[in-house]
N, C-alpha and C. Protein backbone atom coordinates (compact mmCIF):
# COMPACT_ATOMS: atom_id res chain seq x y z
N UNK A 1 3.47 2.36 -1.27
CA UNK A 1 2.88 3.61 -1.71
C UNK A 1 1.85 3.39 -3.26
N UNK A 2 0.97 4.14 -3.48
CA UNK A 2 0.12 3.79 -4.53
C UNK A 2 0.94 4.21 -5.69
N UNK A 3 0.70 3.46 -6.96
CA UNK A 3 1.68 4.09 -8.23
C UNK A 3 1.10 5.36 -8.75
N UNK A 4 2.14 6.12 -9.07
CA UNK A 4 1.75 7.23 -9.92
C UNK A 4 1.69 7.46 -11.07
N UNK A 5 1.91 6.05 -11.55
CA UNK A 5 1.96 5.93 -13.22
C UNK A 5 0.71 5.07 -13.65
N UNK A 6 0.31 4.25 -12.89
CA UNK A 6 -0.82 3.37 -13.27
C UNK A 6 -1.76 3.04 -12.27
N UNK A 7 -2.86 2.53 -12.73
CA UNK A 7 -3.72 1.95 -11.38
C UNK A 7 -4.00 0.54 -11.74
N UNK A 8 -3.75 -0.40 -10.66
CA UNK A 8 -4.15 -1.57 -10.75
C UNK A 8 -5.51 -1.93 -10.91
N UNK A 9 -6.46 -1.03 -10.14
CA UNK A 9 -7.84 -1.23 -10.30
C UNK A 9 -8.66 -1.11 -11.66
N UNK A 10 -7.82 -0.65 -13.01
CA UNK A 10 -8.56 -0.55 -14.04
C UNK A 10 -8.25 -1.80 -14.60
N UNK A 11 -7.48 -2.75 -14.08
CA UNK A 11 -7.31 -4.11 -14.82
C UNK A 11 -6.37 -4.29 -15.99
N UNK A 12 -5.82 -3.23 -16.38
CA UNK A 12 -4.90 -3.37 -17.73
C UNK A 12 -3.45 -3.51 -17.49
N UNK A 13 -2.80 -4.22 -18.29
CA UNK A 13 -1.21 -4.58 -18.23
C UNK A 13 -0.77 -3.04 -18.79
N UNK A 14 0.21 -2.14 -18.27
CA UNK A 14 0.75 -1.14 -18.78
C UNK A 14 1.37 -1.26 -19.82
N UNK A 15 1.95 -2.23 -20.07
CA UNK A 15 2.95 -2.56 -21.35
C UNK A 15 1.91 -2.89 -22.64
N UNK A 16 1.09 -3.64 -22.24
CA UNK A 16 0.04 -4.02 -23.36
C UNK A 16 -0.55 -2.66 -23.87
N UNK A 17 -0.78 -1.60 -23.02
CA UNK A 17 -1.48 -0.64 -23.62
C UNK A 17 -0.28 0.30 -24.28
N UNK A 18 0.85 0.38 -23.53
CA UNK A 18 1.87 1.25 -24.09
C UNK A 18 2.46 0.82 -25.46
N UNK A 19 2.70 -0.63 -25.69
CA UNK A 19 3.30 -0.96 -26.73
C UNK A 19 2.42 -1.41 -27.81
N UNK A 20 1.03 -1.96 -27.41
CA UNK A 20 0.34 -2.50 -28.45
C UNK A 20 -1.14 -1.80 -28.75
N UNK A 21 -1.28 -0.94 -27.59
CA UNK A 21 -2.71 0.10 -27.72
C UNK A 21 -3.73 -1.02 -27.11
N UNK A 22 -3.22 -2.10 -26.67
CA UNK A 22 -4.52 -3.10 -25.77
C UNK A 22 -4.74 -2.64 -24.43
N UNK A 23 -6.10 -2.53 -24.45
CA UNK A 23 -6.84 -1.94 -23.10
C UNK A 23 -7.54 -2.79 -22.59
N UNK A 24 -7.39 -4.37 -22.90
CA UNK A 24 -8.13 -5.29 -22.30
C UNK A 24 -7.85 -5.73 -21.12
N UNK A 25 -8.87 -5.81 -20.14
CA UNK A 25 -8.70 -5.94 -18.82
C UNK A 25 -8.18 -7.54 -18.66
N UNK A 26 -7.18 -7.45 -17.63
CA UNK A 26 -6.51 -8.97 -17.32
C UNK A 26 -6.76 -9.35 -15.96
N UNK A 27 -6.51 -10.41 -15.50
CA UNK A 27 -6.67 -11.09 -14.14
C UNK A 27 -5.16 -11.21 -13.74
N UNK A 28 -4.66 -11.35 -12.40
CA UNK A 28 -3.45 -11.73 -12.15
C UNK A 28 -2.40 -10.78 -12.58
N UNK A 29 -2.62 -9.53 -12.46
CA UNK A 29 -1.56 -8.67 -12.81
C UNK A 29 -0.38 -8.86 -11.92
N UNK A 30 1.02 -8.49 -12.41
CA UNK A 30 1.96 -8.56 -11.43
C UNK A 30 2.56 -6.94 -11.08
N UNK A 31 2.85 -6.74 -9.97
CA UNK A 31 3.31 -5.48 -9.59
C UNK A 31 4.76 -5.57 -10.26
N UNK A 32 5.31 -4.38 -10.94
CA UNK A 32 6.65 -4.24 -11.37
C UNK A 32 7.14 -2.94 -10.72
N UNK A 33 8.43 -2.87 -10.13
CA UNK A 33 8.89 -1.49 -9.73
C UNK A 33 10.00 -1.23 -11.00
N UNK A 34 9.49 0.09 -11.18
CA UNK A 34 10.42 0.63 -12.53
C UNK A 34 11.66 0.63 -12.35
N UNK A 35 12.17 1.06 -11.18
CA UNK A 35 13.74 1.05 -10.97
C UNK A 35 13.83 -0.12 -9.98
N UNK A 36 14.58 -0.84 -10.75
CA UNK A 36 14.82 -2.12 -9.82
C UNK A 36 15.98 -2.21 -9.10
N UNK A 37 16.42 -3.31 -8.58
CA UNK A 37 17.77 -3.45 -7.76
C UNK A 37 17.87 -2.72 -6.51
N UNK A 38 19.07 -1.70 -6.55
CA UNK A 38 19.24 -1.12 -5.36
C UNK A 38 18.18 0.10 -5.36
N UNK A 39 17.35 0.43 -6.22
CA UNK A 39 16.32 1.37 -6.45
C UNK A 39 15.06 0.95 -6.12
N UNK A 40 14.76 -0.24 -5.93
CA UNK A 40 13.36 -0.76 -5.75
C UNK A 40 12.57 -0.47 -4.61
N UNK A 41 13.31 -0.28 -3.39
CA UNK A 41 12.71 0.62 -2.33
C UNK A 41 12.22 2.01 -2.79
N UNK A 42 13.01 2.69 -3.26
CA UNK A 42 12.88 4.21 -3.79
C UNK A 42 11.63 4.04 -4.71
N UNK A 43 11.68 3.20 -5.50
CA UNK A 43 10.49 3.12 -6.40
C UNK A 43 9.32 3.04 -5.88
N UNK A 44 9.34 2.27 -4.61
CA UNK A 44 8.28 2.09 -3.97
C UNK A 44 7.73 3.33 -3.07
N UNK A 45 8.80 4.03 -2.53
CA UNK A 45 8.39 5.08 -1.85
C UNK A 45 7.82 6.49 -2.78
N UNK A 46 8.40 6.35 -3.84
CA UNK A 46 7.81 7.53 -4.70
C UNK A 46 6.66 7.09 -6.11
N UNK A 47 6.10 5.69 -5.51
CA UNK A 47 5.03 5.28 -6.50
C UNK A 47 5.28 4.93 -7.94
N UNK A 48 6.61 4.53 -8.16
CA UNK A 48 6.89 4.28 -9.26
C UNK A 48 6.86 2.78 -9.68
N UNK A 49 5.75 2.44 -9.82
CA UNK A 49 5.53 1.10 -10.10
C UNK A 49 4.19 0.87 -11.07
N UNK A 50 4.33 -0.18 -11.68
CA UNK A 50 3.17 -0.44 -12.65
C UNK A 50 2.88 -2.05 -12.47
N UNK A 51 1.71 -2.15 -13.25
CA UNK A 51 1.21 -3.66 -13.17
C UNK A 51 1.21 -4.01 -14.68
N UNK A 52 1.59 -5.59 -14.59
CA UNK A 52 1.97 -6.17 -15.86
C UNK A 52 1.48 -7.48 -15.86
N UNK A 53 1.05 -7.80 -17.17
CA UNK A 53 0.54 -9.44 -17.44
C UNK A 53 1.92 -10.12 -17.28
N UNK A 54 1.70 -11.44 -17.07
CA UNK A 54 3.01 -12.06 -16.92
C UNK A 54 3.95 -12.24 -18.08
N UNK A 55 3.12 -12.29 -19.10
CA UNK A 55 3.91 -12.18 -20.50
C UNK A 55 4.90 -10.94 -20.54
N UNK A 56 4.38 -9.69 -20.25
CA UNK A 56 5.31 -8.45 -20.19
C UNK A 56 6.03 -8.30 -19.09
N UNK A 57 5.81 -9.10 -17.89
CA UNK A 57 6.62 -8.89 -16.76
C UNK A 57 7.88 -9.85 -16.99
N UNK A 58 7.89 -11.12 -17.14
CA UNK A 58 8.91 -11.97 -16.97
C UNK A 58 9.16 -12.89 -18.46
N UNK A 59 7.97 -13.25 -19.11
CA UNK A 59 8.09 -14.44 -19.92
C UNK A 59 8.42 -14.07 -21.58
N UNK A 60 7.74 -12.88 -21.83
CA UNK A 60 7.68 -12.63 -23.35
C UNK A 60 9.07 -12.04 -23.75
N UNK A 61 9.01 -11.84 -25.14
CA UNK A 61 10.28 -11.37 -26.10
C UNK A 61 10.05 -9.83 -25.53
N UNK A 62 9.06 -9.32 -25.25
CA UNK A 62 9.10 -7.80 -24.81
C UNK A 62 9.15 -7.60 -23.33
N UNK A 63 9.31 -8.77 -22.60
CA UNK A 63 9.30 -8.70 -21.15
C UNK A 63 10.02 -7.58 -20.45
N UNK A 64 9.75 -7.14 -19.67
CA UNK A 64 10.76 -5.84 -18.94
C UNK A 64 11.90 -6.51 -18.27
N UNK A 65 11.78 -7.75 -17.77
CA UNK A 65 12.90 -8.56 -17.09
C UNK A 65 13.93 -9.27 -18.17
N UNK A 66 13.13 -9.16 -19.65
CA UNK A 66 14.10 -9.77 -20.53
C UNK A 66 14.74 -8.72 -21.70
N UNK A 67 13.91 -7.69 -21.83
CA UNK A 67 14.26 -6.76 -23.02
C UNK A 67 14.77 -5.56 -22.55
N UNK A 68 15.90 -5.31 -22.57
CA UNK A 68 16.40 -4.04 -22.32
C UNK A 68 15.87 -2.67 -22.89
N UNK A 69 15.43 -2.69 -24.12
CA UNK A 69 14.74 -1.50 -24.54
C UNK A 69 13.28 -1.34 -23.85
N UNK A 70 12.53 -2.45 -23.82
CA UNK A 70 11.30 -2.30 -22.86
C UNK A 70 11.55 -1.70 -21.54
N UNK A 71 12.50 -2.20 -21.07
CA UNK A 71 12.87 -1.79 -19.82
C UNK A 71 13.31 -0.32 -19.60
N UNK A 72 14.11 0.11 -20.56
CA UNK A 72 14.64 1.43 -20.69
C UNK A 72 13.28 2.46 -20.87
N UNK A 73 12.41 2.10 -21.82
CA UNK A 73 11.53 2.87 -22.15
C UNK A 73 10.57 3.20 -20.89
N UNK A 74 10.30 2.10 -20.22
CA UNK A 74 9.58 2.07 -18.96
C UNK A 74 10.29 3.16 -17.83
N UNK A 75 11.47 2.93 -17.78
CA UNK A 75 12.48 3.80 -16.89
C UNK A 75 12.44 5.25 -17.44
N UNK A 76 12.04 5.73 -18.67
CA UNK A 76 11.93 6.86 -19.12
C UNK A 76 10.89 7.58 -18.72
N UNK A 77 9.73 6.96 -18.82
CA UNK A 77 8.34 7.14 -18.49
C UNK A 77 8.27 7.31 -17.02
N UNK A 78 8.95 6.50 -16.24
CA UNK A 78 9.16 6.74 -14.78
C UNK A 78 9.62 7.96 -14.43
N UNK A 79 10.92 8.21 -15.15
CA UNK A 79 11.57 9.43 -14.62
C UNK A 79 10.56 10.92 -14.96
N UNK A 80 10.00 10.58 -16.22
CA UNK A 80 8.85 11.69 -16.60
C UNK A 80 7.93 11.94 -15.30
N UNK A 81 7.16 10.59 -15.15
CA UNK A 81 6.39 10.61 -14.02
C UNK A 81 6.82 11.11 -12.60
N UNK A 82 7.91 11.01 -12.44
CA UNK A 82 8.67 11.42 -11.01
C UNK A 82 8.63 12.92 -11.09
N UNK A 83 9.24 13.50 -12.40
CA UNK A 83 9.44 14.81 -12.29
C UNK A 83 8.20 15.74 -12.56
N UNK A 84 7.20 15.21 -13.09
CA UNK A 84 5.87 15.76 -13.01
C UNK A 84 5.08 15.92 -11.71
N UNK A 85 5.28 14.53 -10.98
CA UNK A 85 4.86 14.66 -9.56
C UNK A 85 5.54 15.10 -8.58
N UNK A 86 7.08 15.31 -8.70
CA UNK A 86 7.54 15.89 -7.52
C UNK A 86 8.79 16.96 -8.18
N UNK A 87 7.97 17.97 -8.73
CA UNK A 87 9.09 19.06 -9.35
C UNK A 87 9.97 19.50 -8.47
N UNK A 88 9.79 19.63 -7.02
CA UNK A 88 10.72 20.15 -6.31
C UNK A 88 11.83 19.05 -5.82
N UNK A 89 11.85 17.82 -6.41
CA UNK A 89 12.88 16.90 -5.90
C UNK A 89 13.75 16.47 -7.26
N UNK A 90 15.03 16.27 -6.85
CA UNK A 90 16.23 16.10 -7.82
C UNK A 90 16.04 14.34 -8.24
N UNK A 91 15.49 14.20 -9.44
CA UNK A 91 15.59 13.15 -9.83
C UNK A 91 17.03 12.15 -9.56
N UNK A 92 17.95 12.90 -10.41
CA UNK A 92 19.19 12.30 -10.58
C UNK A 92 19.82 12.06 -9.23
N UNK A 93 19.91 13.15 -8.25
CA UNK A 93 20.27 12.79 -7.13
C UNK A 93 19.61 11.73 -6.06
N UNK A 94 18.43 11.50 -6.49
CA UNK A 94 17.63 10.36 -5.78
C UNK A 94 17.92 8.96 -6.29
N UNK A 95 17.85 8.94 -7.59
CA UNK A 95 18.02 7.64 -8.25
C UNK A 95 19.53 7.50 -8.89
N UNK A 96 20.29 8.35 -8.98
CA UNK A 96 21.68 8.15 -9.55
C UNK A 96 21.93 8.10 -10.71
N UNK A 97 21.06 8.28 -11.50
CA UNK A 97 21.08 8.07 -13.18
C UNK A 97 19.91 9.10 -13.77
N UNK A 98 20.37 9.42 -14.88
CA UNK A 98 19.39 10.07 -15.74
C UNK A 98 18.70 9.03 -17.08
N UNK A 99 17.73 8.72 -16.97
CA UNK A 99 17.34 7.68 -18.10
C UNK A 99 16.53 8.54 -19.39
N UNK A 100 16.93 9.71 -19.44
CA UNK A 100 16.17 10.32 -20.55
C UNK A 100 17.16 10.14 -21.92
């Protein structure tokens, strides 16, 4: 499913924008499912994914796969996006956790 949080076509890294107000277009963005592990497929189903530069995805100090605070902030934004897009659905029941 297409992301409800971010468009890959605009060429920006979601975390570069969110953390650094950097809207520079980048090549080779990597898809990241906001809720990982057992909730990865559910993230896909509801469009909870963003596009990240390699540095913010896996390698840098703020990388979502290396930094708990960055990961949690992204999950909080994902929950808010879900609740806006699907007001009739119960986030806690579907994802099993409240990230607010």
